[in-house]
Amino acid sequence: MWRWTKRIAIAVLVLAIAVVLLGVFVRYQGVQYVAAYTWGGFANPLPAADAYPTENNAGENPCASGPLTVMTYNIFNGSALVEALVERFAEGDLDGFRPWSERVPEIRERIAGYDPDLIGFQEMGADADVLAAVPETPPYTLVSYRLGALEYGDSALLFKSERFELLDSGQLWLSPCPRLPLAYGFQRRAMIRYVNWSVLREKDGAFTFLFANTHFDNNGPNKEPSATLFRERITALAQGMPLIATGDFNSNGTTDRYHRFTGADQEPPLLQNVFTLAKKRLEAQTHGPPRTIAPTDAMIHPDRRIDHILVGGPCSVKATKWTIDARPLKNGEHMSDHDAMIAHLQFEP
C-alpha cells in the first residue's frame, strides 16, 4: 500500500512540476521564441530613415507622387472564424451586429465606391476574410502576418498591385519584444497587436514611401507604451522619408499619447492628421448627399475620433478631400462600430 501511495505522490509531484514549467514557458513566450528561432524567424527590421533618400533620380522627383486615395477602416470582427465561434458558443450574439458573412458584400461594395489606392484594415481575420472585403478588380496586394497556416490580419494593409511595387515589409509587435512575432503586449492579458508596414514605390515614377497600419490595444497599460514605441520606431522615420500611417489608435487628439505618437513636440509635427490639412471635409450620411463639415465640427474632429490617417516626411503634402462614411447597411443596421475614413492627398516637392 505504501509503495503505491509513494508512486502516486511522485507522479502527482512530477505532474505539478510539469504544469508549473509549462506555465513559465508560456508566460515568458517560450512558444514564440521557439517558433522564431526554428520556423518563422524574427520580424524584419524597419528601414533607416535615410534608406530611400528623397533625391532626384534619373530626372524623376521622388517627392512627386500621383494622387493617392487612402482608407482606414476598423470593420469589427471581420472574420469567418469569429463568426463560427460566436455562432457555436455564444448563440450568435454579436453585440447587435450582423454576422461577417452578411456584412461583407456591402462592405466590399462600399469600398469599391471609393476605389482606394491604399487600405488599412483593423479587426480582420484570415487572408480570405481580408480579400473578400475588397473588389477583385483592380487587384490588391495584401500584407499581413502569416506563420504556416496561422493568418493574423488584425492590422492588414493592402495596396493596388498595378500601381505600386513592394520593396520591403514586416511587422512591429506592440510589446516589450517588438521583433518577436505574436509577442504579448505590455499588459499580457490583452489582444496581441502589431504595426504592419510596407515600403512602396510607384511603378511609373520614383516616389517611394512607407505605409504603416496599426491597431492599438484598448487597454490603457498597453496604449501608453504602444504610443511611445510607435513614436520611436515609426514616426521617427518621417524625418527622412515620406510616410502614411493609418489605424485605430484608440486615442483621440486630446490625449498625451496622440501628441506623442504624432511627434507634436516638433515644429511642424512629424505626423499631421489629414483632417487638418484637407481643403474639403465631407460626411457621408444615411440620407442625401454627403454634407460638407467645418474643420471645427466637434463630432468629426480628431479630438473626438480614435481612427486617423496621418502623413509626414520631407515632402510637402496637399490634401484635397477627407471623408468619413457613417452610412449603415441597407437594412439600417450598423456596418461596423467604426466609420470608414478616406483621404485624397498628394505628395509634392
Protein backbone atom coordinates (compact mmCIF):
# COMPACT_ATOMS: atom_id res chain seq x y z
CA MET A 1 0.00 0.00 0.00
CA TRP A 2 2.74 2.42 0.99
CA ARG A 3 4.59 1.65 -2.24
CA TRP A 4 1.56 2.62 -4.37
CA THR A 5 0.93 5.73 -2.31
CA LYS A 6 4.54 6.76 -2.82
CA ARG A 7 4.32 6.20 -6.59
CA ILE A 8 1.12 8.23 -6.83
CA ALA A 9 2.69 11.05 -4.79
CA ILE A 10 5.74 11.11 -7.06
CA ALA A 11 3.52 11.11 -10.16
CA VAL A 12 1.46 13.99 -8.78
CA LEU A 13 4.64 15.91 -7.93
CA VAL A 14 6.09 15.35 -11.40
CA LEU A 15 2.82 16.42 -12.99
CA ALA A 16 2.70 19.54 -10.81
CA ILE A 17 6.28 20.45 -11.74
CA ALA A 18 5.49 19.89 -15.42
CA VAL A 19 2.44 22.14 -15.18
CA VAL A 20 4.47 24.87 -13.47
CA LEU A 21 7.25 24.62 -16.06
CA LEU A 22 4.73 24.74 -18.87
CA GLY A 23 3.12 27.81 -17.31
CA VAL A 24 6.50 29.54 -17.04
CA PHE A 25 7.33 28.53 -20.63
CA VAL A 26 4.10 30.02 -21.93
CA ARG A 27 4.21 33.11 -19.69
CA TYR A 28 7.69 34.06 -20.86
CA GLN A 29 6.81 33.48 -24.52
CA GLY A 30 8.70 30.24 -24.95
CA VAL A 31 6.36 29.21 -27.76
CA GLN A 32 7.02 32.43 -29.65
CA TYR A 33 10.80 32.19 -29.21
CA VAL A 34 10.89 28.56 -30.32
CA ALA A 35 8.81 29.45 -33.39
CA ALA A 36 11.03 32.44 -34.16
CA TYR A 37 14.30 30.51 -33.86
CA THR A 38 13.19 27.34 -35.61
CA TRP A 39 10.42 28.28 -38.01
CA GLY A 40 9.09 31.72 -38.83
CA GLY A 41 12.05 33.89 -37.85
CA PHE A 42 12.04 37.27 -36.16
CA ALA A 43 10.31 40.27 -37.70
CA ASN A 44 12.10 42.21 -40.44
CA PRO A 45 13.84 45.31 -39.09
CA LEU A 46 12.39 48.62 -40.17
CA PRO A 47 14.42 50.59 -42.73
CA ALA A 48 16.53 53.51 -41.64
CA ALA A 49 15.05 56.96 -42.24
CA ASP A 50 17.67 57.61 -44.95
CA ALA A 51 17.38 54.19 -46.62
CA TYR A 52 15.41 55.68 -49.52
CA PRO A 53 16.78 59.22 -49.93
CA THR A 54 14.48 61.82 -51.44
CA GLU A 55 16.94 62.95 -54.12
CA ASN A 56 16.37 63.34 -57.83
CA ASN A 57 16.96 60.05 -59.62
CA ALA A 58 17.28 59.98 -63.41
CA GLY A 59 15.12 63.06 -63.75
CA GLU A 60 12.31 61.72 -61.59
CA ASN A 61 11.47 63.72 -58.48
CA PRO A 62 10.97 61.28 -55.58
CA CYS A 63 8.82 63.82 -53.75
CA ALA A 64 6.26 63.88 -56.54
CA SER A 65 3.57 61.25 -56.11
CA GLY A 66 0.45 60.78 -58.13
CA PRO A 67 -2.91 61.43 -56.44
CA LEU A 68 -3.47 58.95 -53.60
CA THR A 69 -6.73 57.76 -52.10
CA VAL A 70 -6.16 56.30 -48.63
CA MET A 71 -8.69 54.48 -46.48
CA THR A 72 -8.64 53.30 -42.87
CA TYR A 73 -11.43 51.10 -41.57
CA ASN A 74 -11.98 49.09 -38.40
CA ILE A 75 -14.51 46.59 -39.66
CA PHE A 76 -15.49 44.91 -36.34
CA ASN A 77 -14.69 41.20 -36.24
CA GLY A 78 -14.11 40.75 -39.96
CA SER A 79 -13.55 37.03 -39.56
CA ALA A 80 -15.39 33.91 -40.66
CA LEU A 81 -13.71 32.05 -37.79
CA VAL A 82 -15.00 34.53 -35.20
CA GLU A 83 -18.46 34.26 -36.75
CA ALA A 84 -18.36 30.46 -36.48
CA LEU A 85 -17.15 30.55 -32.87
CA VAL A 86 -19.80 33.07 -31.85
CA GLU A 87 -22.47 31.02 -33.57
CA ARG A 88 -21.38 27.88 -31.77
CA PHE A 89 -20.55 29.13 -28.29
CA ALA A 90 -22.45 32.41 -27.89
CA GLU A 91 -25.65 31.66 -29.78
CA GLY A 92 -24.70 34.13 -32.50
CA ASP A 93 -24.68 37.15 -30.14
CA LEU A 94 -22.51 39.77 -31.89
CA ASP A 95 -23.43 42.76 -29.71
CA GLY A 96 -26.14 43.88 -32.12
CA PHE A 97 -24.11 43.47 -35.31
CA ARG A 98 -24.89 41.26 -38.28
CA PRO A 99 -22.53 38.32 -38.92
CA TRP A 100 -19.47 38.92 -41.07
CA SER A 101 -20.82 36.84 -43.97
CA GLU A 102 -23.90 39.09 -44.16
CA ARG A 103 -21.99 42.37 -43.92
CA VAL A 104 -19.08 41.68 -46.24
CA PRO A 105 -20.91 42.06 -49.60
CA GLU A 106 -21.99 45.60 -48.71
CA ILE A 107 -18.59 46.40 -47.20
CA ARG A 108 -16.94 45.36 -50.47
CA GLU A 109 -19.42 47.47 -52.44
CA ARG A 110 -18.79 50.47 -50.18
CA ILE A 111 -15.01 50.19 -50.50
CA ALA A 112 -15.21 49.76 -54.28
CA GLY A 113 -17.10 53.05 -54.47
CA TYR A 114 -14.09 54.91 -53.06
CA ASP A 115 -11.54 52.96 -55.15
CA PRO A 116 -8.73 53.42 -52.59
CA ASP A 117 -5.09 53.01 -53.58
CA LEU A 118 -4.10 52.13 -50.01
CA ILE A 119 -6.23 50.45 -47.34
CA GLY A 120 -5.51 49.95 -43.66
CA PHE A 121 -7.92 47.50 -42.02
CA GLN A 122 -8.33 46.66 -38.34
CA GLU A 123 -10.00 43.67 -36.69
CA MET A 124 -9.61 41.42 -39.70
CA GLY A 125 -9.04 37.68 -39.61
CA ALA A 126 -7.53 35.36 -42.20
CA ASP A 127 -6.31 36.39 -45.65
CA ALA A 128 -9.54 35.17 -47.23
CA ASP A 129 -11.54 37.49 -44.97
CA VAL A 130 -9.43 40.50 -45.94
CA LEU A 131 -9.57 39.78 -49.67
CA ALA A 132 -13.34 39.22 -49.50
CA ALA A 133 -13.73 42.83 -48.36
CA VAL A 134 -12.08 44.40 -51.42
CA PRO A 135 -13.06 44.23 -55.09
CA GLU A 136 -11.19 41.77 -57.29
CA THR A 137 -10.65 44.47 -59.92
CA PRO A 138 -8.34 46.29 -59.64
CA PRO A 139 -6.28 43.64 -57.83
CA TYR A 140 -4.81 44.42 -54.42
CA THR A 141 -1.69 43.02 -52.79
CA LEU A 142 -2.15 42.06 -49.14
CA VAL A 143 0.49 42.49 -46.44
CA SER A 144 -0.39 40.67 -43.24
CA TYR A 145 1.17 38.30 -40.72
CA ARG A 146 1.40 34.60 -41.51
CA LEU A 147 3.06 31.69 -39.76
CA GLY A 148 2.31 28.47 -41.58
CA ALA A 149 -1.45 28.02 -41.51
CA LEU A 150 -1.85 30.87 -39.00
CA GLU A 151 -3.02 34.12 -40.59
CA TYR A 152 -3.44 37.10 -38.28
CA GLY A 153 -4.81 40.13 -40.10
CA ASP A 154 -5.78 42.44 -37.25
CA SER A 155 -3.76 45.24 -38.91
CA ALA A 156 -3.85 44.05 -42.52
CA LEU A 157 -2.91 46.55 -45.22
CA LEU A 158 -3.44 46.45 -48.96
CA PHE A 159 -2.21 48.40 -51.96
CA LYS A 160 -3.10 48.42 -55.64
CA SER A 161 -0.89 45.83 -57.31
CA GLU A 162 -0.82 47.58 -60.69
CA ARG A 163 0.34 50.87 -59.21
CA PHE A 164 2.91 50.04 -56.52
CA GLU A 165 5.99 47.86 -56.18
CA LEU A 166 6.62 46.29 -52.76
CA LEU A 167 10.23 46.89 -51.71
CA ASP A 168 10.09 45.71 -48.11
CA SER A 169 7.54 44.84 -45.42
CA GLY A 170 7.13 43.47 -41.93
CA GLN A 171 5.53 43.85 -38.54
CA LEU A 172 6.44 45.75 -35.41
CA TRP A 173 4.87 43.97 -32.44
CA LEU A 174 3.45 46.35 -29.84
CA SER A 175 5.19 44.74 -26.90
CA PRO A 176 8.44 44.84 -24.92
CA CYS A 177 9.79 42.48 -27.64
CA PRO A 178 8.86 44.34 -30.85
CA ARG A 179 10.66 41.94 -33.22
CA LEU A 180 9.21 38.78 -31.63
CA PRO A 181 6.22 37.64 -33.71
CA LEU A 182 2.98 37.27 -31.74
CA ALA A 183 4.66 38.76 -28.66
CA TYR A 184 2.45 39.54 -25.70
CA GLY A 185 1.63 43.19 -25.12
CA PHE A 186 2.85 45.34 -22.28
CA GLN A 187 -0.12 44.05 -20.29
CA ARG A 188 -0.26 40.36 -21.12
CA ARG A 189 -3.94 39.70 -20.61
CA ALA A 190 -4.90 41.53 -23.79
CA MET A 191 -5.01 41.06 -27.55
CA ILE A 192 -1.73 40.68 -29.40
CA ARG A 193 -1.27 43.83 -31.50
CA TYR A 194 1.19 45.00 -34.13
CA VAL A 195 2.10 47.71 -36.61
CA ASN A 196 2.04 46.41 -40.19
CA TRP A 197 4.39 48.27 -42.52
CA SER A 198 5.47 48.25 -46.14
CA VAL A 199 7.87 50.27 -48.26
CA LEU A 200 6.22 51.00 -51.62
CA ARG A 201 7.41 52.61 -54.84
CA GLU A 202 5.18 53.94 -57.57
CA LYS A 203 5.81 51.92 -60.71
CA ASP A 204 5.57 54.93 -63.01
CA GLY A 205 7.91 57.17 -61.03
CA ALA A 206 10.46 57.44 -58.25
CA PHE A 207 8.11 58.18 -55.37
CA THR A 208 8.97 55.81 -52.51
CA PHE A 209 7.26 55.88 -49.13
CA LEU A 210 6.45 53.91 -46.02
CA PHE A 211 2.85 52.87 -45.47
CA ALA A 212 2.06 51.73 -41.92
CA ASN A 213 -1.19 50.49 -40.42
CA THR A 214 -1.91 49.62 -36.80
CA HIS A 215 -4.48 48.84 -34.14
CA PHE A 216 -3.52 49.91 -30.63
CA ASP A 217 -4.99 47.83 -27.83
CA ASN A 218 -7.86 49.45 -25.93
CA ASN A 219 -6.19 48.75 -22.57
CA GLY A 220 -4.53 51.82 -21.08
CA PRO A 221 -1.46 49.89 -19.88
CA ASN A 222 -0.92 48.81 -23.50
CA LYS A 223 -1.87 52.04 -25.24
CA GLU A 224 0.64 54.25 -23.47
CA PRO A 225 3.83 52.26 -24.23
CA SER A 226 2.48 51.43 -27.70
CA ALA A 227 2.34 55.16 -28.44
CA THR A 228 5.94 55.55 -27.28
CA LEU A 229 7.11 52.59 -29.36
CA PHE A 230 5.25 53.89 -32.43
CA ARG A 231 6.92 57.28 -32.00
CA GLU A 232 10.39 55.77 -31.63
CA ARG A 233 10.19 53.25 -34.47
CA ILE A 234 7.60 54.53 -36.98
CA THR A 235 7.08 58.28 -36.53
CA ALA A 236 10.84 58.88 -36.37
CA LEU A 237 11.15 57.64 -39.95
CA ALA A 238 9.23 60.71 -41.13
CA GLN A 239 12.41 62.70 -40.58
CA GLY A 240 13.85 61.13 -43.72
CA MET A 241 11.15 59.52 -45.86
CA PRO A 242 7.54 60.15 -46.87
CA LEU A 243 5.16 58.31 -44.55
CA ILE A 244 1.47 57.46 -44.48
CA ALA A 245 0.05 55.93 -41.30
CA THR A 246 -3.47 54.63 -40.81
CA GLY A 247 -5.13 52.91 -37.92
CA ASP A 248 -7.37 52.63 -34.93
CA PHE A 249 -5.05 54.23 -32.39
CA ASN A 250 -7.65 54.11 -29.59
CA SER A 251 -6.51 57.67 -28.89
CA ASN A 252 -8.18 60.94 -29.79
CA GLY A 253 -6.40 64.20 -30.47
CA THR A 254 -6.73 65.47 -26.90
CA THR A 255 -4.58 62.74 -25.35
CA ASP A 256 -0.91 63.00 -24.47
CA ARG A 257 -0.21 59.75 -26.30
CA TYR A 258 -1.69 61.17 -29.53
CA HIS A 259 0.72 64.08 -29.28
CA ARG A 260 3.49 61.60 -28.53
CA PHE A 261 2.99 59.26 -31.48
CA THR A 262 2.42 62.13 -33.91
CA GLY A 263 5.62 63.85 -32.79
CA ALA A 264 3.73 67.01 -31.85
CA ASP A 265 6.72 68.25 -29.85
CA GLN A 266 8.40 69.01 -33.20
CA GLU A 267 7.58 72.04 -35.34
CA PRO A 268 5.89 71.14 -37.59
CA PRO A 269 4.72 67.84 -36.07
CA LEU A 270 6.38 64.76 -37.55
CA LEU A 271 2.95 63.41 -38.49
CA GLN A 272 -0.05 65.54 -39.38
CA ASN A 273 -3.67 64.50 -39.47
CA VAL A 274 -5.10 64.70 -42.99
CA PHE A 275 -8.31 66.07 -41.47
CA THR A 276 -6.48 69.30 -40.58
CA LEU A 277 -4.78 69.51 -43.99
CA ALA A 278 -7.79 68.80 -46.20
CA LYS A 279 -9.34 71.64 -48.18
CA LYS A 280 -12.71 69.91 -48.17
CA ARG A 281 -14.25 67.70 -45.49
CA LEU A 282 -17.35 65.57 -46.06
CA GLU A 283 -19.55 63.25 -44.06
CA ALA A 284 -21.48 60.55 -45.93
CA GLN A 285 -24.78 60.13 -44.10
CA THR A 286 -27.76 57.82 -44.27
CA HIS A 287 -29.93 60.14 -46.36
CA GLY A 288 -28.96 62.53 -49.10
CA PRO A 289 -25.58 63.55 -50.49
CA PRO A 290 -22.53 63.92 -48.23
CA ARG A 291 -22.62 67.09 -46.19
CA THR A 292 -19.70 69.50 -46.02
CA ILE A 293 -18.36 69.83 -42.50
CA ALA A 294 -16.38 72.60 -40.87
CA PRO A 295 -12.83 71.90 -39.63
CA THR A 296 -14.08 72.70 -36.14
CA ASP A 297 -17.03 70.25 -36.21
CA ALA A 298 -16.87 68.76 -32.73
CA MET A 299 -18.26 65.34 -33.63
CA ILE A 300 -15.97 64.81 -36.62
CA HIS A 301 -12.79 66.50 -35.41
CA PRO A 302 -9.82 64.24 -34.48
CA ASP A 303 -10.27 65.40 -30.90
CA ARG A 304 -13.32 63.11 -30.81
CA ARG A 305 -12.03 60.32 -33.05
CA ILE A 306 -9.68 57.40 -32.43
CA ASP A 307 -9.20 56.42 -36.11
CA HIS A 308 -6.73 58.55 -38.04
CA ILE A 309 -4.99 58.99 -41.38
CA LEU A 310 -1.61 60.63 -40.78
CA VAL A 311 1.11 61.85 -43.13
CA GLY A 312 4.66 63.06 -42.69
CA GLY A 313 8.14 63.23 -44.16
CA PRO A 314 10.42 65.62 -46.01
CA CYS A 315 7.96 66.18 -48.89
CA SER A 316 5.04 68.60 -48.90
CA VAL A 317 1.55 67.12 -48.77
CA LYS A 318 -1.54 68.53 -50.44
CA ALA A 319 -4.84 67.08 -49.18
CA THR A 320 -7.81 67.86 -51.36
CA LYS A 321 -10.52 65.94 -49.51
CA TRP A 322 -11.19 64.00 -46.30
CA THR A 323 -14.36 61.94 -45.90
CA ILE A 324 -15.94 60.00 -43.07
CA ASP A 325 -18.56 57.45 -44.12
CA ALA A 326 -21.16 56.96 -41.40
CA ARG A 327 -23.72 55.14 -43.56
CA PRO A 328 -25.18 51.90 -42.15
CA LEU A 329 -26.09 48.74 -44.02
CA LYS A 330 -29.00 48.97 -46.43
CA ASN A 331 -31.31 47.48 -43.78
CA GLY A 332 -30.36 50.30 -41.40
CA GLU A 333 -28.19 48.19 -39.09
CA HIS A 334 -24.59 49.01 -38.26
CA MET A 335 -21.95 48.13 -40.81
CA SER A 336 -19.29 48.40 -38.09
CA ASP A 337 -18.72 50.08 -34.75
CA HIS A 338 -16.30 52.44 -36.52
CA ASP A 339 -16.75 54.69 -39.55
CA ALA A 340 -14.55 54.37 -42.61
CA MET A 341 -12.23 57.33 -43.26
CA ILE A 342 -10.99 58.24 -46.71
CA ALA A 343 -8.38 60.83 -47.64
CA HIS A 344 -7.38 62.19 -51.07
CA LEU A 345 -3.85 63.52 -50.99
CA GLN A 346 -0.68 64.03 -52.99
CA PHE A 347 2.99 64.46 -52.07
CA GLU A 348 4.85 67.32 -53.75
CA PRO A 349 8.41 68.69 -53.86
